[in-house]
């Protein structure tokens, strides 16, 4: 088991994870990233036509391990007159 920290970067600025999450292995990081990104997207979208949500994962030493992002882009195709 190892503790990983998931720092969130969204429209409200960066939020540093101070508690971390215990995972069995490094291979469990993508599943946790997906869960967090979808939860944040569900809570914050649609806040506008464009949004990027990113998460930087740090290990127990505080070193960055990976970064993942979700980009939402809505383009209206009809013309409002």
PDB file of N, CA and C in Angstrom:
ATOM      1  N   UNK A   1       0.842  -1.182   0.000  1.00  0.00           N
ATOM      2  CA  UNK A   1       0.000   0.000   0.000  1.00  0.00           C
ATOM      3  C   UNK A   1       0.886   1.245   0.000  1.00  0.00           C
ATOM      4  N   UNK A   2       0.410   2.219  -0.726  1.00  0.00           N
ATOM      5  CA  UNK A   2       1.116   3.501  -0.767  1.00  0.00           C
ATOM      6  C   UNK A   2       0.082   4.619  -0.780  1.00  0.00           C
ATOM      7  N   UNK A   3       0.463   5.767  -0.265  1.00  0.00           N
ATOM      8  CA  UNK A   3      -0.432   6.922  -0.224  1.00  0.00           C
ATOM      9  C   UNK A   3      -0.092   7.842  -1.390  1.00  0.00           C
ATOM     10  N   UNK A   4      -1.145   8.247  -2.105  1.00  0.00           N
ATOM     11  CA  UNK A   4      -1.009   9.180  -3.217  1.00  0.00           C
ATOM     12  C   UNK A   4      -1.904  10.383  -2.958  1.00  0.00           C
ATOM     13  N   UNK A   5      -1.463  11.529  -3.432  1.00  0.00           N
ATOM     14  CA  UNK A   5      -2.170  12.791  -3.231  1.00  0.00           C
ATOM     15  C   UNK A   5      -2.668  13.292  -4.585  1.00  0.00           C
ATOM     16  N   UNK A   6      -3.940  13.662  -4.633  1.00  0.00           N
ATOM     17  CA  UNK A   6      -4.599  14.051  -5.878  1.00  0.00           C
ATOM     18  C   UNK A   6      -4.939  15.547  -5.801  1.00  0.00           C
ATOM     19  N   UNK A   7      -4.096  16.376  -6.402  1.00  0.00           N
ATOM     20  CA  UNK A   7      -4.283  17.830  -6.380  1.00  0.00           C
ATOM     21  C   UNK A   7      -5.162  18.246  -7.558  1.00  0.00           C
ATOM     22  N   UNK A   8      -6.238  18.956  -7.257  1.00  0.00           N
ATOM     23  CA  UNK A   8      -7.227  19.348  -8.249  1.00  0.00           C
ATOM     24  C   UNK A   8      -6.937  20.745  -8.780  1.00  0.00           C
ATOM     25  N   UNK A   9      -7.049  20.911 -10.085  1.00  0.00           N
ATOM     26  CA  UNK A   9      -6.912  22.207 -10.748  1.00  0.00           C
ATOM     27  C   UNK A   9      -8.168  22.387 -11.594  1.00  0.00           C
ATOM     28  N   UNK A  10      -9.007  23.347 -11.212  1.00  0.00           N
ATOM     29  CA  UNK A  10     -10.223  23.595 -11.984  1.00  0.00           C
ATOM     30  C   UNK A  10     -10.432  25.097 -12.110  1.00  0.00           C
ATOM     31  N   UNK A  11     -11.638  25.497 -12.468  1.00  0.00           N
ATOM     32  CA  UNK A  11     -11.923  26.916 -12.663  1.00  0.00           C
ATOM     33  C   UNK A  11     -11.776  27.746 -11.401  1.00  0.00           C
ATOM     34  N   UNK A  12     -11.780  27.110 -10.249  1.00  0.00           N
ATOM     35  CA  UNK A  12     -11.645  27.822  -8.985  1.00  0.00           C
ATOM     36  C   UNK A  12     -10.190  27.902  -8.516  1.00  0.00           C
ATOM     37  N   UNK A  13      -9.271  27.405  -9.323  1.00  0.00           N
ATOM     38  CA  UNK A  13      -7.864  27.416  -8.952  1.00  0.00           C
ATOM     39  C   UNK A  13      -7.435  26.082  -8.376  1.00  0.00           C
ATOM     40  N   UNK A  14      -6.178  25.986  -7.958  1.00  0.00           N
ATOM     41  CA  UNK A  14      -5.669  24.703  -7.454  1.00  0.00           C
ATOM     42  C   UNK A  14      -6.155  24.401  -6.030  1.00  0.00           C
ATOM     43  N   UNK A  15      -6.418  23.122  -5.792  1.00  0.00           N
ATOM     44  CA  UNK A  15      -6.764  22.632  -4.457  1.00  0.00           C
ATOM     45  C   UNK A  15      -5.814  21.491  -4.136  1.00  0.00           C
ATOM     46  N   UNK A  16      -4.985  21.683  -3.131  1.00  0.00           N
ATOM     47  CA  UNK A  16      -3.978  20.686  -2.756  1.00  0.00           C
ATOM     48  C   UNK A  16      -4.600  19.637  -1.840  1.00  0.00           C
ATOM     49  N   UNK A  17      -4.363  18.378  -2.167  1.00  0.00           N
ATOM     50  CA  UNK A  17      -4.832  17.255  -1.359  1.00  0.00           C
ATOM     51  C   UNK A  17      -3.883  17.078  -0.178  1.00  0.00           C
ATOM     52  N   UNK A  18      -4.364  17.332   1.010  1.00  0.00           N
ATOM     53  CA  UNK A  18      -3.536  17.232   2.208  1.00  0.00           C
ATOM     54  C   UNK A  18      -3.651  15.869   2.895  1.00  0.00           C
ATOM     55  N   UNK A  19      -4.658  15.071   2.519  1.00  0.00           N
ATOM     56  CA  UNK A  19      -4.906  13.802   3.212  1.00  0.00           C
ATOM     57  C   UNK A  19      -4.397  12.583   2.436  1.00  0.00           C
ATOM     58  N   UNK A  20      -4.541  12.612   1.131  1.00  0.00           N
ATOM     59  CA  UNK A  20      -4.095  11.491   0.309  1.00  0.00           C
ATOM     60  C   UNK A  20      -5.053  10.321   0.352  1.00  0.00           C
ATOM     61  N   UNK A  21      -4.762   9.348  -0.497  1.00  0.00           N
ATOM     62  CA  UNK A  21      -5.562   8.138  -0.628  1.00  0.00           C
ATOM     63  C   UNK A  21      -4.628   6.949  -0.667  1.00  0.00           C
ATOM     64  N   UNK A  22      -4.925   5.944   0.140  1.00  0.00           N
ATOM     65  CA  UNK A  22      -4.130   4.715   0.129  1.00  0.00           C
ATOM     66  C   UNK A  22      -4.577   3.846  -1.039  1.00  0.00           C
ATOM     67  N   UNK A  23      -3.624   3.449  -1.864  1.00  0.00           N
ATOM     68  CA  UNK A  23      -3.901   2.562  -2.992  1.00  0.00           C
ATOM     69  C   UNK A  23      -2.989   1.342  -2.899  1.00  0.00           C
ATOM     70  N   UNK A  24      -3.481   0.219  -3.396  1.00  0.00           N
ATOM     71  CA  UNK A  24      -2.690  -1.017  -3.346  1.00  0.00           C
ATOM     72  C   UNK A  24      -1.433  -0.910  -4.187  1.00  0.00           C
ATOM     73  N   UNK A  25      -1.586  -0.287  -5.366  1.00  0.00           N
ATOM     74  CA  UNK A  25      -0.431  -0.160  -6.251  1.00  0.00           C
ATOM     75  C   UNK A  25      -0.606   1.048  -7.164  1.00  0.00           C
ATOM     76  N   UNK A  26       0.431   1.375  -7.835  1.00  0.00           N
ATOM     77  CA  UNK A  26       0.440   2.483  -8.800  1.00  0.00           C
ATOM     78  C   UNK A  26      -0.584   2.251  -9.920  1.00  0.00           C
ATOM     79  N   UNK A  27      -0.864   0.995 -10.224  1.00  0.00           N
ATOM     80  CA  UNK A  27      -1.812   0.660 -11.291  1.00  0.00           C
ATOM     81  C   UNK A  27      -3.242   1.067 -10.942  1.00  0.00           C
ATOM     82  N   UNK A  28      -3.508   1.356  -9.664  1.00  0.00           N
ATOM     83  CA  UNK A  28      -4.842   1.790  -9.243  1.00  0.00           C
ATOM     84  C   UNK A  28      -5.063   3.293  -9.433  1.00  0.00           C
ATOM     85  N   UNK A  29      -4.024   4.035  -9.767  1.00  0.00           N
ATOM     86  CA  UNK A  29      -4.135   5.483  -9.927  1.00  0.00           C
ATOM     87  C   UNK A  29      -5.123   5.866 -11.024  1.00  0.00           C
ATOM     88  N   UNK A  30      -5.074   5.276 -12.240  1.00  0.00           N
ATOM     89  CA  UNK A  30      -6.020   5.703 -13.279  1.00  0.00           C
ATOM     90  C   UNK A  30      -7.490   5.535 -12.882  1.00  0.00           C
ATOM     91  N   UNK A  31      -7.813   4.485 -12.166  1.00  0.00           N
ATOM     92  CA  UNK A  31      -9.201   4.282 -11.734  1.00  0.00           C
ATOM     93  C   UNK A  31      -9.629   5.384 -10.769  1.00  0.00           C
ATOM     94  N   UNK A  32      -8.754   5.742  -9.842  1.00  0.00           N
ATOM     95  CA  UNK A  32      -9.054   6.812  -8.885  1.00  0.00           C
ATOM     96  C   UNK A  32      -9.134   8.166  -9.596  1.00  0.00           C
ATOM     97  N   UNK A  33      -8.250   8.402 -10.558  1.00  0.00           N
ATOM     98  CA  UNK A  33      -8.303   9.636 -11.346  1.00  0.00           C
ATOM     99  C   UNK A  33      -9.633   9.759 -12.078  1.00  0.00           C
ATOM    100  N   UNK A  34     -10.063   8.681 -12.697  1.00  0.00           N
ATOM    101  CA  UNK A  34     -11.332   8.681 -13.426  1.00  0.00           C
ATOM    102  C   UNK A  34     -12.491   8.987 -12.489  1.00  0.00           C
ATOM    103  N   UNK A  35     -12.501   8.369 -11.335  1.00  0.00           N
ATOM    104  CA  UNK A  35     -13.577   8.595 -10.364  1.00  0.00           C
ATOM    105  C   UNK A  35     -13.638  10.065  -9.950  1.00  0.00           C
ATOM    106  N   UNK A  36     -12.483  10.639  -9.635  1.00  0.00           N
ATOM    107  CA  UNK A  36     -12.432  12.031  -9.191  1.00  0.00           C
ATOM    108  C   UNK A  36     -12.842  12.980 -10.312  1.00  0.00           C
ATOM    109  N   UNK A  37     -12.288  12.783 -11.505  1.00  0.00           N
ATOM    110  CA  UNK A  37     -12.616  13.661 -12.631  1.00  0.00           C
ATOM    111  C   UNK A  37     -14.103  13.636 -12.938  1.00  0.00           C
ATOM    112  N   UNK A  38     -14.716  12.463 -12.930  1.00  0.00           N
ATOM    113  CA  UNK A  38     -16.148  12.366 -13.220  1.00  0.00           C
ATOM    114  C   UNK A  38     -16.986  13.002 -12.116  1.00  0.00           C
ATOM    115  N   UNK A  39     -16.588  12.837 -10.858  1.00  0.00           N
ATOM    116  CA  UNK A  39     -17.304  13.473  -9.750  1.00  0.00           C
ATOM    117  C   UNK A  39     -17.250  14.995  -9.864  1.00  0.00           C
ATOM    118  N   UNK A  40     -16.083  15.523 -10.147  1.00  0.00           N
ATOM    119  CA  UNK A  40     -15.928  16.972 -10.267  1.00  0.00           C
ATOM    120  C   UNK A  40     -16.725  17.476 -11.469  1.00  0.00           C
ATOM    121  N   UNK A  41     -16.639  16.779 -12.592  1.00  0.00           N
ATOM    122  CA  UNK A  41     -17.383  17.177 -13.791  1.00  0.00           C
ATOM    123  C   UNK A  41     -18.883  17.172 -13.512  1.00  0.00           C
ATOM    124  N   UNK A  42     -19.381  16.168 -12.838  1.00  0.00           N
ATOM    125  CA  UNK A  42     -20.804  16.069 -12.509  1.00  0.00           C
ATOM    126  C   UNK A  42     -21.242  17.257 -11.655  1.00  0.00           C
ATOM    127  N   UNK A  43     -20.386  17.680 -10.725  1.00  0.00           N
ATOM    128  CA  UNK A  43     -20.728  18.782  -9.825  1.00  0.00           C
ATOM    129  C   UNK A  43     -20.580  20.157 -10.472  1.00  0.00           C
ATOM    130  N   UNK A  44     -19.657  20.306 -11.408  1.00  0.00           N
ATOM    131  CA  UNK A  44     -19.315  21.632 -11.917  1.00  0.00           C
ATOM    132  C   UNK A  44     -19.809  21.932 -13.325  1.00  0.00           C
ATOM    133  N   UNK A  45     -20.173  20.921 -14.093  1.00  0.00           N
ATOM    134  CA  UNK A  45     -20.621  21.169 -15.465  1.00  0.00           C
ATOM    135  C   UNK A  45     -22.140  21.209 -15.498  1.00  0.00           C
ATOM    136  N   UNK A  46     -22.773  21.952 -16.355  1.00  0.00           N
ATOM    137  CA  UNK A  46     -22.125  22.940 -17.214  1.00  0.00           C
ATOM    138  C   UNK A  46     -22.033  24.292 -16.535  1.00  0.00           C
ATOM    139  N   UNK A  47     -20.859  24.698 -16.245  1.00  0.00           N
ATOM    140  CA  UNK A  47     -20.627  26.014 -15.651  1.00  0.00           C
ATOM    141  C   UNK A  47     -20.349  27.041 -16.742  1.00  0.00           C
ATOM    142  N   UNK A  48     -20.288  26.599 -17.957  1.00  0.00           N
ATOM    143  CA  UNK A  48     -20.004  27.469 -19.087  1.00  0.00           C
ATOM    144  C   UNK A  48     -19.790  26.599 -20.302  1.00  0.00           C
ATOM    145  N   UNK A  49     -19.309  27.199 -21.357  1.00  0.00           N
ATOM    146  CA  UNK A  49     -19.097  26.452 -22.593  1.00  0.00           C
ATOM    147  C   UNK A  49     -17.759  25.740 -22.644  1.00  0.00           C
ATOM    148  N   UNK A  50     -16.829  26.151 -21.761  1.00  0.00           N
ATOM    149  CA  UNK A  50     -15.498  25.524 -21.763  1.00  0.00           C
ATOM    150  C   UNK A  50     -15.010  25.358 -20.336  1.00  0.00           C
ATOM    151  N   UNK A  51     -14.396  24.215 -20.097  1.00  0.00           N
ATOM    152  CA  UNK A  51     -13.814  23.981 -18.778  1.00  0.00           C
ATOM    153  C   UNK A  51     -12.771  22.886 -18.883  1.00  0.00           C
ATOM    154  N   UNK A  52     -11.672  23.071 -18.178  1.00  0.00           N
ATOM    155  CA  UNK A  52     -10.650  22.049 -18.065  1.00  0.00           C
ATOM    156  C   UNK A  52     -10.496  21.710 -16.591  1.00  0.00           C
ATOM    157  N   UNK A  53     -10.559  20.426 -16.304  1.00  0.00           N
ATOM    158  CA  UNK A  53     -10.341  19.930 -14.949  1.00  0.00           C
ATOM    159  C   UNK A  53      -9.092  19.055 -15.020  1.00  0.00           C
ATOM    160  N   UNK A  54      -8.118  19.331 -14.185  1.00  0.00           N
ATOM    161  CA  UNK A  54      -6.878  18.554 -14.189  1.00  0.00           C
ATOM    162  C   UNK A  54      -6.552  18.093 -12.774  1.00  0.00           C
ATOM    163  N   UNK A  55      -5.895  16.957 -12.693  1.00  0.00           N
ATOM    164  CA  UNK A  55      -5.443  16.426 -11.411  1.00  0.00           C
ATOM    165  C   UNK A  55      -3.990  16.017 -11.548  1.00  0.00           C
ATOM    166  N   UNK A  56      -3.179  16.517 -10.629  1.00  0.00           N
ATOM    167  CA  UNK A  56      -1.784  16.098 -10.544  1.00  0.00           C
ATOM    168  C   UNK A  56      -1.674  15.142  -9.363  1.00  0.00           C
ATOM    169  N   UNK A  57      -1.074  13.989  -9.591  1.00  0.00           N
ATOM    170  CA  UNK A  57      -0.919  12.991  -8.534  1.00  0.00           C
ATOM    171  C   UNK A  57       0.510  13.047  -8.021  1.00  0.00           C
ATOM    172  N   UNK A  58       0.630  13.124  -6.683  1.00  0.00           N
ATOM    173  CA  UNK A  58       1.939  13.106  -6.040  1.00  0.00           C
ATOM    174  C   UNK A  58       2.083  11.839  -5.209  1.00  0.00           C
ATOM    175  N   UNK A  59       3.304  11.349  -5.082  1.00  0.00           N
ATOM    176  CA  UNK A  59       3.565  10.183  -4.230  1.00  0.00           C
ATOM    177  C   UNK A  59       3.806  10.636  -2.797  1.00  0.00           C
ATOM    178  N   UNK A  60       4.131   9.695  -1.926  1.00  0.00           N
ATOM    179  CA  UNK A  60       4.329  10.006  -0.500  1.00  0.00           C
ATOM    180  C   UNK A  60       5.458  10.995  -0.254  1.00  0.00           C
ATOM    181  N   UNK A  61       6.409  11.056  -1.168  1.00  0.00           N
ATOM    182  CA  UNK A  61       7.526  11.998  -1.045  1.00  0.00           C
ATOM    183  C   UNK A  61       7.171  13.389  -1.559  1.00  0.00           C
ATOM    184  N   UNK A  62       5.993  13.518  -2.166  1.00  0.00           N
ATOM    185  CA  UNK A  62       5.567  14.802  -2.713  1.00  0.00           C
ATOM    186  C   UNK A  62       5.964  15.013  -4.156  1.00  0.00           C
ATOM    187  N   UNK A  63       6.570  13.990  -4.774  1.00  0.00           N
ATOM    188  CA  UNK A  63       6.987  14.103  -6.167  1.00  0.00           C
ATOM    189  C   UNK A  63       5.807  13.825  -7.097  1.00  0.00           C
ATOM    190  N   UNK A  64       5.631  14.641  -8.157  1.00  0.00           N
ATOM    191  CA  UNK A  64       4.565  14.378  -9.125  1.00  0.00           C
ATOM    192  C   UNK A  64       4.785  13.029  -9.814  1.00  0.00           C
ATOM    193  N   UNK A  65       3.695  12.272  -9.967  1.00  0.00           N
ATOM    194  CA  UNK A  65       3.760  10.956 -10.597  1.00  0.00           C
ATOM    195  C   UNK A  65       3.101  10.988 -11.971  1.00  0.00           C
ATOM    196  N   UNK A  66       1.933  11.650 -12.044  1.00  0.00           N
ATOM    197  CA  UNK A  66       1.202  11.729 -13.301  1.00  0.00           C
ATOM    198  C   UNK A  66       0.228  12.889 -13.236  1.00  0.00           C
ATOM    199  N   UNK A  67      -0.262  13.289 -14.387  1.00  0.00           N
ATOM    200  CA  UNK A  67      -1.293  14.311 -14.458  1.00  0.00           C
ATOM    201  C   UNK A  67      -2.347  13.835 -15.453  1.00  0.00           C
ATOM    202  N   UNK A  68      -3.618  14.082 -15.112  1.00  0.00           N
ATOM    203  CA  UNK A  68      -4.719  13.716 -16.000  1.00  0.00           C
ATOM    204  C   UNK A  68      -5.650  14.909 -16.105  1.00  0.00           C
ATOM    205  N   UNK A  69      -6.313  15.035 -17.253  1.00  0.00           N
ATOM    206  CA  UNK A  69      -7.230  16.162 -17.412  1.00  0.00           C
ATOM    207  C   UNK A  69      -8.461  15.748 -18.192  1.00  0.00           C
ATOM    208  N   UNK A  70      -9.509  16.501 -17.968  1.00  0.00           N
ATOM    209  CA  UNK A  70     -10.777  16.318 -18.665  1.00  0.00           C
ATOM    210  C   UNK A  70     -11.150  17.684 -19.215  1.00  0.00           C
ATOM    211  N   UNK A  71     -11.402  17.748 -20.519  1.00  0.00           N
ATOM    212  CA  UNK A  71     -11.737  19.008 -21.162  1.00  0.00           C
ATOM    213  C   UNK A  71     -13.178  18.950 -21.649  1.00  0.00           C
ATOM    214  N   UNK A  72     -13.961  19.938 -21.242  1.00  0.00           N
ATOM    215  CA  UNK A  72     -15.331  20.071 -21.709  1.00  0.00           C
ATOM    216  C   UNK A  72     -15.387  21.270 -22.622  1.00  0.00           C
ATOM    217  N   UNK A  73     -15.952  21.080 -23.809  1.00  0.00           N
ATOM    218  CA  UNK A  73     -16.081  22.158 -24.775  1.00  0.00           C
ATOM    219  C   UNK A  73     -17.436  22.028 -25.447  1.00  0.00           C
ATOM    220  N   UNK A  74     -18.272  23.061 -25.313  1.00  0.00           N
ATOM    221  CA  UNK A  74     -19.580  23.070 -25.934  1.00  0.00           C
ATOM    222  C   UNK A  74     -19.599  24.175 -26.973  1.00  0.00           C
ATOM    223  N   UNK A  75     -19.911  23.816 -28.226  1.00  0.00           N
ATOM    224  CA  UNK A  75     -19.991  24.807 -29.289  1.00  0.00           C
ATOM    225  C   UNK A  75     -21.410  24.814 -29.843  1.00  0.00           C
ATOM    226  N   UNK A  76     -22.082  25.948 -29.706  1.00  0.00           N
ATOM    227  CA  UNK A  76     -23.424  26.084 -30.238  1.00  0.00           C
ATOM    228  C   UNK A  76     -23.368  26.174 -31.756  1.00  0.00           C
ATOM    229  N   UNK A  77     -24.204  25.390 -32.432  1.00  0.00           N
ATOM    230  CA  UNK A  77     -24.187  25.363 -33.890  1.00  0.00           C
ATOM    231  C   UNK A  77     -25.288  26.224 -34.496  1.00  0.00           C
ATOM    232  N   UNK A  78     -26.309  26.514 -33.715  1.00  0.00           N
ATOM    233  CA  UNK A  78     -27.364  27.371 -34.251  1.00  0.00           C
ATOM    234  C   UNK A  78     -27.010  28.835 -33.986  1.00  0.00           C
ATOM    235  N   UNK A  79     -27.565  29.680 -34.813  1.00  0.00           N
ATOM    236  CA  UNK A  79     -27.287  31.111 -34.677  1.00  0.00           C
ATOM    237  C   UNK A  79     -28.504  31.763 -34.042  1.00  0.00           C
ATOM    238  N   UNK A  80     -28.294  32.435 -32.934  1.00  0.00           N
ATOM    239  CA  UNK A  80     -29.385  33.136 -32.272  1.00  0.00           C
ATOM    240  C   UNK A  80     -29.593  34.476 -32.947  1.00  0.00           C
ATOM    241  N   UNK A  81     -30.822  34.728 -33.341  1.00  0.00           N
ATOM    242  CA  UNK A  81     -31.115  36.002 -34.034  1.00  0.00           C
ATOM    243  C   UNK A  81     -32.116  36.778 -33.264  1.00  0.00           C
TER     244      UNK A  81
END
